[in-house]
Amino acid sequence: MSCEIERIEGVSCTVGEGPLWHAEQGCWYWVDIPAKLVWRLDGASGAVCHFRADEMVACMALKRGGGLVAGMETGIFDIALQGDGTVGATLLASPPELRPGMRFNDGRCDRQGRFWAGTMSMDAPPGSVQADGHLYRYDAARGLSAPVVSDLVTQNGLAWSPDGRTMYLSDSNAARQLIWAFDYDPADGVPSNRRLFVDMNAYPGRPDGAAMDVDGCYWIAGNDAGCLLRFTPAGKLDRRIDLPVSKPSMATFGGPGLDTLLVTSIKPGFTPGDEHAGSVLLVRAPGLAGLPDTPFAA
């Protein structure tokens, strides 16, 4: 099956993550976590720019009515991209479990507009399994939840089925490499009946960021394996797209028809010879069709 892959010129990220599509603006956004940058690509003109924050931005979601909500080093913030090229940030909530040396990692909104994000340690010794990460829910009415899921090393892979009744979550640490599914109550935002969805130890790559398509299939970035993998709701692998980077980190659907995948990637630990490590890619292929992300209901 033919596949067109375009590398965005002038962009190189250390840890590219958290891509999203802003339909009203016709723009793509993503972050470079350690560089403390939020990037923007104008989908029509191809113009690229970035905004610098005071601390690391790991994940973002659009806000209803404008602006962004983000998981950062010290909490969940309301952020604004300012004309001087900086990121204005107002703290909304910070969990007591978020100690120095940790940060938020992967996050997005459920179908009702609640923002979900998880934490991870940045200072774990190499090869260790420091499972002190937690997954939280934040909404304007109830504020920040207590930890909803705990014992996570590198929280990742958040996504919701088209009907919002199944939640997906992964742990991309090399000692885990698992994707779970949960029953999800759209009314109260509570997941239950946690079960193994895919054991990625049996497939190429570690499970990083995820995207959901119109068929209810779950796209996961195969970090270290240079590919995107699509799993059906039954957990069956039915499609693979190989990429010119060894460490893709996350993909999101966008473009006017939601038929393009923007894929971020990572430099540290890349496979030797990966000259495009840290690139951001636009992927177009037959049959790609995504779902819009629900904005945060501020």
Protein backbone atom coordinates (compact mmCIF):
# COMPACT_ATOMS: atom_id res chain seq x y z
CA MET A 1 0.00 0.00 0.00
CA SER A 2 1.47 3.36 -1.04
CA CYS A 3 2.43 5.81 1.69
CA GLU A 4 3.65 9.40 1.34
CA ILE A 5 5.93 10.67 4.11
CA GLU A 6 6.99 14.31 4.29
CA ARG A 7 9.63 15.56 6.72
CA ILE A 8 8.96 19.07 8.04
CA GLU A 9 11.96 21.20 7.15
CA GLY A 10 13.72 23.26 9.79
CA VAL A 11 12.48 21.16 12.73
CA SER A 12 14.62 18.93 14.92
CA CYS A 13 13.44 17.93 18.38
CA THR A 14 15.27 16.27 21.23
CA VAL A 15 12.06 14.66 22.52
CA GLY A 16 9.21 15.56 20.19
CA GLU A 17 5.84 14.68 21.75
CA GLY A 18 2.20 15.59 22.23
CA PRO A 19 1.06 16.52 18.69
CA LEU A 20 -2.43 17.92 18.14
CA TRP A 21 -4.44 19.47 15.30
CA HIS A 22 -6.24 22.81 15.66
CA ALA A 23 -8.99 22.69 13.02
CA GLU A 24 -10.12 26.32 13.40
CA GLN A 25 -6.58 27.64 12.93
CA GLY A 26 -5.57 24.99 10.41
CA CYS A 27 -2.41 24.46 12.46
CA TRP A 28 -0.49 21.58 14.00
CA TYR A 29 1.08 21.85 17.47
CA TRP A 30 3.59 19.65 19.29
CA VAL A 31 6.24 19.98 22.00
CA ASP A 32 9.95 19.37 22.46
CA ILE A 33 9.98 18.39 26.12
CA PRO A 34 13.57 19.01 27.34
CA ALA A 35 13.93 22.10 25.12
CA LYS A 36 10.82 23.61 26.81
CA LEU A 37 9.38 24.47 23.39
CA VAL A 38 5.89 24.43 21.90
CA TRP A 39 6.02 24.19 18.10
CA ARG A 40 3.40 25.31 15.59
CA LEU A 41 3.08 24.45 11.89
CA ASP A 42 0.66 26.36 9.66
CA GLY A 43 -0.99 23.66 7.56
CA ALA A 44 -1.63 25.97 4.59
CA SER A 45 1.58 27.99 4.32
CA GLY A 46 4.00 25.52 5.88
CA ALA A 47 5.35 28.25 8.17
CA VAL A 48 6.91 26.91 11.38
CA CYS A 49 7.56 28.75 14.64
CA HIS A 50 8.08 27.90 18.30
CA PHE A 51 7.36 29.34 21.75
CA ARG A 52 9.59 28.95 24.80
CA ALA A 53 8.21 28.02 28.23
CA ASP A 54 9.77 28.41 31.67
CA GLU A 55 9.52 24.68 32.33
CA MET A 56 9.02 21.52 30.32
CA VAL A 57 5.71 21.06 28.53
CA ALA A 58 4.94 17.37 28.02
CA CYS A 59 1.36 17.19 26.72
CA MET A 60 -1.37 19.59 25.66
CA ALA A 61 -5.04 19.77 24.77
CA LEU A 62 -7.06 22.50 23.11
CA LYS A 63 -9.41 24.48 25.35
CA ARG A 64 -12.97 25.16 24.37
CA GLY A 65 -13.11 28.86 23.57
CA GLY A 66 -9.38 29.15 22.87
CA GLY A 67 -6.03 28.53 24.48
CA LEU A 68 -4.45 25.31 25.71
CA VAL A 69 -4.25 23.19 28.83
CA ALA A 70 -0.98 21.35 29.46
CA GLY A 71 0.76 18.84 31.71
CA MET A 72 4.17 20.26 32.65
CA GLU A 73 6.93 19.69 35.21
CA THR A 74 5.14 21.04 38.26
CA GLY A 75 1.49 20.53 37.46
CA ILE A 76 -1.37 21.13 35.06
CA PHE A 77 -1.40 24.61 33.57
CA ASP A 78 -3.53 26.93 31.49
CA ILE A 79 -1.10 28.11 28.81
CA ALA A 80 -1.12 30.86 26.20
CA LEU A 81 1.24 31.24 23.24
CA GLN A 82 2.28 34.87 23.25
CA GLY A 83 3.37 37.28 20.54
CA ASP A 84 6.88 37.59 21.95
CA GLY A 85 7.53 33.87 21.40
CA THR A 86 7.05 32.83 25.02
CA VAL A 87 4.52 30.60 26.76
CA GLY A 88 2.40 32.19 29.46
CA ALA A 89 1.42 29.62 32.07
CA THR A 90 -1.07 29.74 34.96
CA LEU A 91 -1.06 26.81 37.39
CA LEU A 92 -4.41 25.01 37.66
CA ALA A 93 -3.46 22.06 39.88
CA SER A 94 -0.48 20.11 41.14
CA PRO A 95 -0.76 16.64 42.69
CA PRO A 96 0.97 16.09 46.04
CA GLU A 97 2.68 12.99 44.63
CA LEU A 98 4.55 15.09 42.04
CA ARG A 99 7.93 15.45 43.73
CA PRO A 100 11.07 17.11 42.29
CA GLY A 101 12.60 14.94 39.58
CA MET A 102 9.18 14.03 38.16
CA ARG A 103 7.00 15.56 35.46
CA PHE A 104 3.82 14.94 33.58
CA ASN A 105 4.17 12.86 30.42
CA ASP A 106 1.33 11.80 28.10
CA GLY A 107 -2.11 13.41 28.26
CA ARG A 108 -5.29 14.27 26.37
CA CYS A 109 -9.02 14.85 26.90
CA ASP A 110 -11.70 12.19 27.04
CA ARG A 111 -14.78 12.53 24.82
CA GLN A 112 -16.47 14.73 27.44
CA GLY A 113 -13.60 17.23 27.65
CA ARG A 114 -11.96 16.11 30.90
CA PHE A 115 -8.16 16.38 30.78
CA TRP A 116 -6.22 13.24 31.69
CA ALA A 117 -2.45 13.10 32.17
CA GLY A 118 0.10 10.88 33.89
CA THR A 119 3.37 11.42 35.70
CA MET A 120 6.78 9.78 35.53
CA SER A 121 10.22 10.02 37.15
CA MET A 122 13.03 11.66 35.21
CA ASP A 123 15.84 10.67 37.58
CA ALA A 124 15.49 6.87 37.76
CA PRO A 125 18.88 5.11 37.43
CA PRO A 126 19.40 3.41 34.04
CA GLY A 127 17.82 -0.02 33.97
CA SER A 128 15.72 0.55 37.07
CA VAL A 129 11.95 0.25 37.24
CA GLN A 130 10.76 3.17 39.33
CA ALA A 131 7.01 2.69 39.26
CA ASP A 132 6.00 5.89 41.05
CA GLY A 133 3.94 7.37 38.21
CA HIS A 134 0.21 8.02 38.47
CA LEU A 135 -2.64 8.87 36.11
CA TYR A 136 -4.92 11.80 37.01
CA ARG A 137 -8.17 13.35 35.78
CA TYR A 138 -8.68 17.11 35.81
CA ASP A 139 -11.88 19.02 35.11
CA ALA A 140 -12.94 22.55 35.89
CA ALA A 141 -15.87 21.55 38.11
CA ARG A 142 -14.15 18.97 40.34
CA GLY A 143 -10.50 19.96 39.99
CA LEU A 144 -7.74 17.37 40.14
CA SER A 145 -8.55 13.79 41.09
CA ALA A 146 -6.57 11.56 43.38
CA PRO A 147 -4.45 9.05 41.43
CA VAL A 148 -6.80 6.98 39.27
CA VAL A 149 -4.17 4.48 38.08
CA SER A 150 -0.86 3.98 39.92
CA ASP A 151 2.28 1.81 39.70
CA LEU A 152 3.25 3.28 36.33
CA VAL A 153 6.85 3.63 35.18
CA THR A 154 6.45 5.57 31.91
CA GLN A 155 2.78 6.40 31.44
CA ASN A 156 1.74 6.68 27.79
CA GLY A 157 -0.78 5.75 25.13
CA LEU A 158 -3.93 7.49 26.37
CA ALA A 159 -6.88 7.21 23.98
CA TRP A 160 -10.65 6.71 24.01
CA SER A 161 -12.84 4.68 21.70
CA PRO A 162 -15.19 6.61 19.38
CA ASP A 163 -18.14 6.09 21.74
CA GLY A 164 -16.01 7.07 24.74
CA ARG A 165 -16.75 3.84 26.60
CA THR A 166 -13.29 2.27 26.39
CA MET A 167 -10.12 3.94 27.69
CA TYR A 168 -6.63 2.85 26.62
CA LEU A 169 -3.39 3.35 28.56
CA SER A 170 0.15 2.04 28.11
CA ASP A 171 3.42 1.81 29.99
CA SER A 172 6.28 2.21 27.54
CA ASN A 173 9.10 1.30 29.93
CA ALA A 174 11.24 -1.53 28.54
CA ALA A 175 10.40 -3.67 31.58
CA ARG A 176 6.64 -3.31 30.91
CA GLN A 177 5.72 -2.63 27.25
CA LEU A 178 2.02 -3.22 27.89
CA ILE A 179 -1.21 -1.61 26.68
CA TRP A 180 -4.35 -1.90 28.81
CA ALA A 181 -8.02 -1.31 28.09
CA PHE A 182 -10.60 -0.18 30.65
CA ASP A 183 -14.36 0.09 30.65
CA TYR A 184 -15.09 3.82 30.91
CA ASP A 185 -18.14 5.56 32.35
CA PRO A 186 -18.65 8.72 30.28
CA ALA A 187 -20.95 10.22 32.91
CA ASP A 188 -18.51 10.28 35.82
CA GLY A 189 -15.16 9.73 34.10
CA VAL A 190 -14.25 6.59 36.01
CA PRO A 191 -12.38 3.67 34.37
CA SER A 192 -12.91 0.10 35.57
CA ASN A 193 -12.28 -3.53 34.56
CA ARG A 194 -8.63 -3.04 33.66
CA ARG A 195 -7.41 -5.75 31.29
CA LEU A 196 -4.51 -6.45 28.97
CA PHE A 197 -5.22 -5.14 25.47
CA VAL A 198 -1.85 -5.78 23.77
CA ASP A 199 1.41 -7.18 25.10
CA MET A 200 3.89 -5.19 23.04
CA ASN A 201 6.71 -7.52 24.02
CA ALA A 202 5.36 -9.68 21.18
CA TYR A 203 5.50 -6.85 18.62
CA PRO A 204 8.12 -4.42 17.29
CA GLY A 205 8.89 -1.44 19.48
CA ARG A 206 7.79 -0.06 22.82
CA PRO A 207 4.28 1.46 23.03
CA ASP A 208 4.54 5.25 23.09
CA GLY A 209 1.85 7.80 22.19
CA ALA A 210 -1.44 6.77 20.59
CA ALA A 211 -4.20 7.94 18.27
CA MET A 212 -7.73 6.68 17.59
CA ASP A 213 -9.25 6.35 14.11
CA VAL A 214 -12.86 6.38 12.91
CA ASP A 215 -13.01 2.57 12.92
CA GLY A 216 -12.19 2.45 16.63
CA CYS A 217 -8.70 1.15 15.88
CA TYR A 218 -5.80 2.14 18.10
CA TRP A 219 -2.61 3.48 16.48
CA ILE A 220 0.50 3.21 18.63
CA ALA A 221 3.98 4.57 17.92
CA GLY A 222 6.44 1.68 17.95
CA ASN A 223 9.35 3.42 19.65
CA ASP A 224 12.74 1.82 18.82
CA ALA A 225 11.16 -0.03 15.87
CA GLY A 226 10.53 2.89 13.51
CA CYS A 227 6.87 2.20 12.83
CA LEU A 228 3.23 2.93 13.57
CA LEU A 229 1.07 -0.09 14.41
CA ARG A 230 -2.73 -0.25 14.20
CA PHE A 231 -4.64 -2.61 16.48
CA THR A 232 -8.34 -3.40 16.06
CA PRO A 233 -10.70 -3.14 19.06
CA ALA A 234 -10.10 -6.88 19.53
CA GLY A 235 -6.36 -6.25 19.95
CA LYS A 236 -5.38 -7.68 16.54
CA LEU A 237 -2.55 -6.03 14.60
CA ASP A 238 -3.90 -5.27 11.12
CA ARG A 239 -1.68 -2.50 9.72
CA ARG A 240 1.89 -1.24 9.94
CA ILE A 241 3.47 1.93 8.54
CA ASP A 242 7.27 2.02 8.52
CA LEU A 243 8.90 5.39 9.13
CA PRO A 244 12.31 6.95 8.39
CA VAL A 245 12.99 7.45 12.12
CA SER A 246 13.82 4.74 14.65
CA LYS A 247 12.06 6.35 17.63
CA PRO A 248 8.61 7.68 16.71
CA SER A 249 6.95 8.97 19.85
CA MET A 250 3.35 9.88 19.01
CA ALA A 251 1.00 10.46 16.08
CA THR A 252 -2.19 12.45 15.75
CA PHE A 253 -4.75 12.78 12.97
CA GLY A 254 -5.26 16.17 11.38
CA GLY A 255 -5.54 18.17 8.20
CA PRO A 256 -8.88 19.39 6.79
CA GLY A 257 -10.10 15.81 6.27
CA LEU A 258 -8.42 14.33 9.37
CA ASP A 259 -6.66 12.05 6.90
CA THR A 260 -3.03 12.91 7.69
CA LEU A 261 -0.91 11.70 10.59
CA LEU A 262 1.63 14.06 12.13
CA VAL A 263 4.33 11.97 13.85
CA THR A 264 6.90 13.27 16.34
CA SER A 265 10.16 11.51 17.15
CA ILE A 266 13.03 11.36 19.66
CA LYS A 267 16.80 11.78 19.34
CA PRO A 268 18.27 10.21 22.51
CA GLY A 269 18.85 6.48 22.06
CA PHE A 270 18.16 6.47 18.33
CA THR A 271 19.49 3.68 16.12
CA PRO A 272 22.91 4.51 14.57
CA GLY A 273 22.42 5.71 11.03
CA ASP A 274 19.07 7.34 11.80
CA GLU A 275 19.90 10.69 10.21
CA HIS A 276 16.35 11.94 10.70
CA ALA A 277 16.11 11.28 14.46
CA GLY A 278 14.11 14.07 16.07
CA SER A 279 12.24 14.89 12.86
CA VAL A 280 8.53 15.59 12.65
CA LEU A 281 6.74 13.79 9.82
CA LEU A 282 3.49 14.13 7.90
CA VAL A 283 2.17 10.74 6.79
CA ARG A 284 -0.51 10.27 4.13
CA ALA A 285 -1.77 6.86 3.06
CA PRO A 286 -4.99 5.33 1.72
CA GLY A 287 -7.58 4.63 4.38
CA LEU A 288 -6.29 7.03 7.03
CA ALA A 289 -9.21 8.71 8.81
CA GLY A 290 -9.10 9.99 12.36
CA LEU A 291 -11.35 11.44 15.02
CA PRO A 292 -11.13 15.02 16.27
CA ASP A 293 -9.89 15.47 19.82
CA THR A 294 -12.45 16.90 22.23
CA PRO A 295 -11.32 20.27 23.64
CA PHE A 296 -10.94 20.75 27.37
CA ALA A 297 -14.27 21.94 28.80
CA ALA A 298 -12.89 24.92 30.73
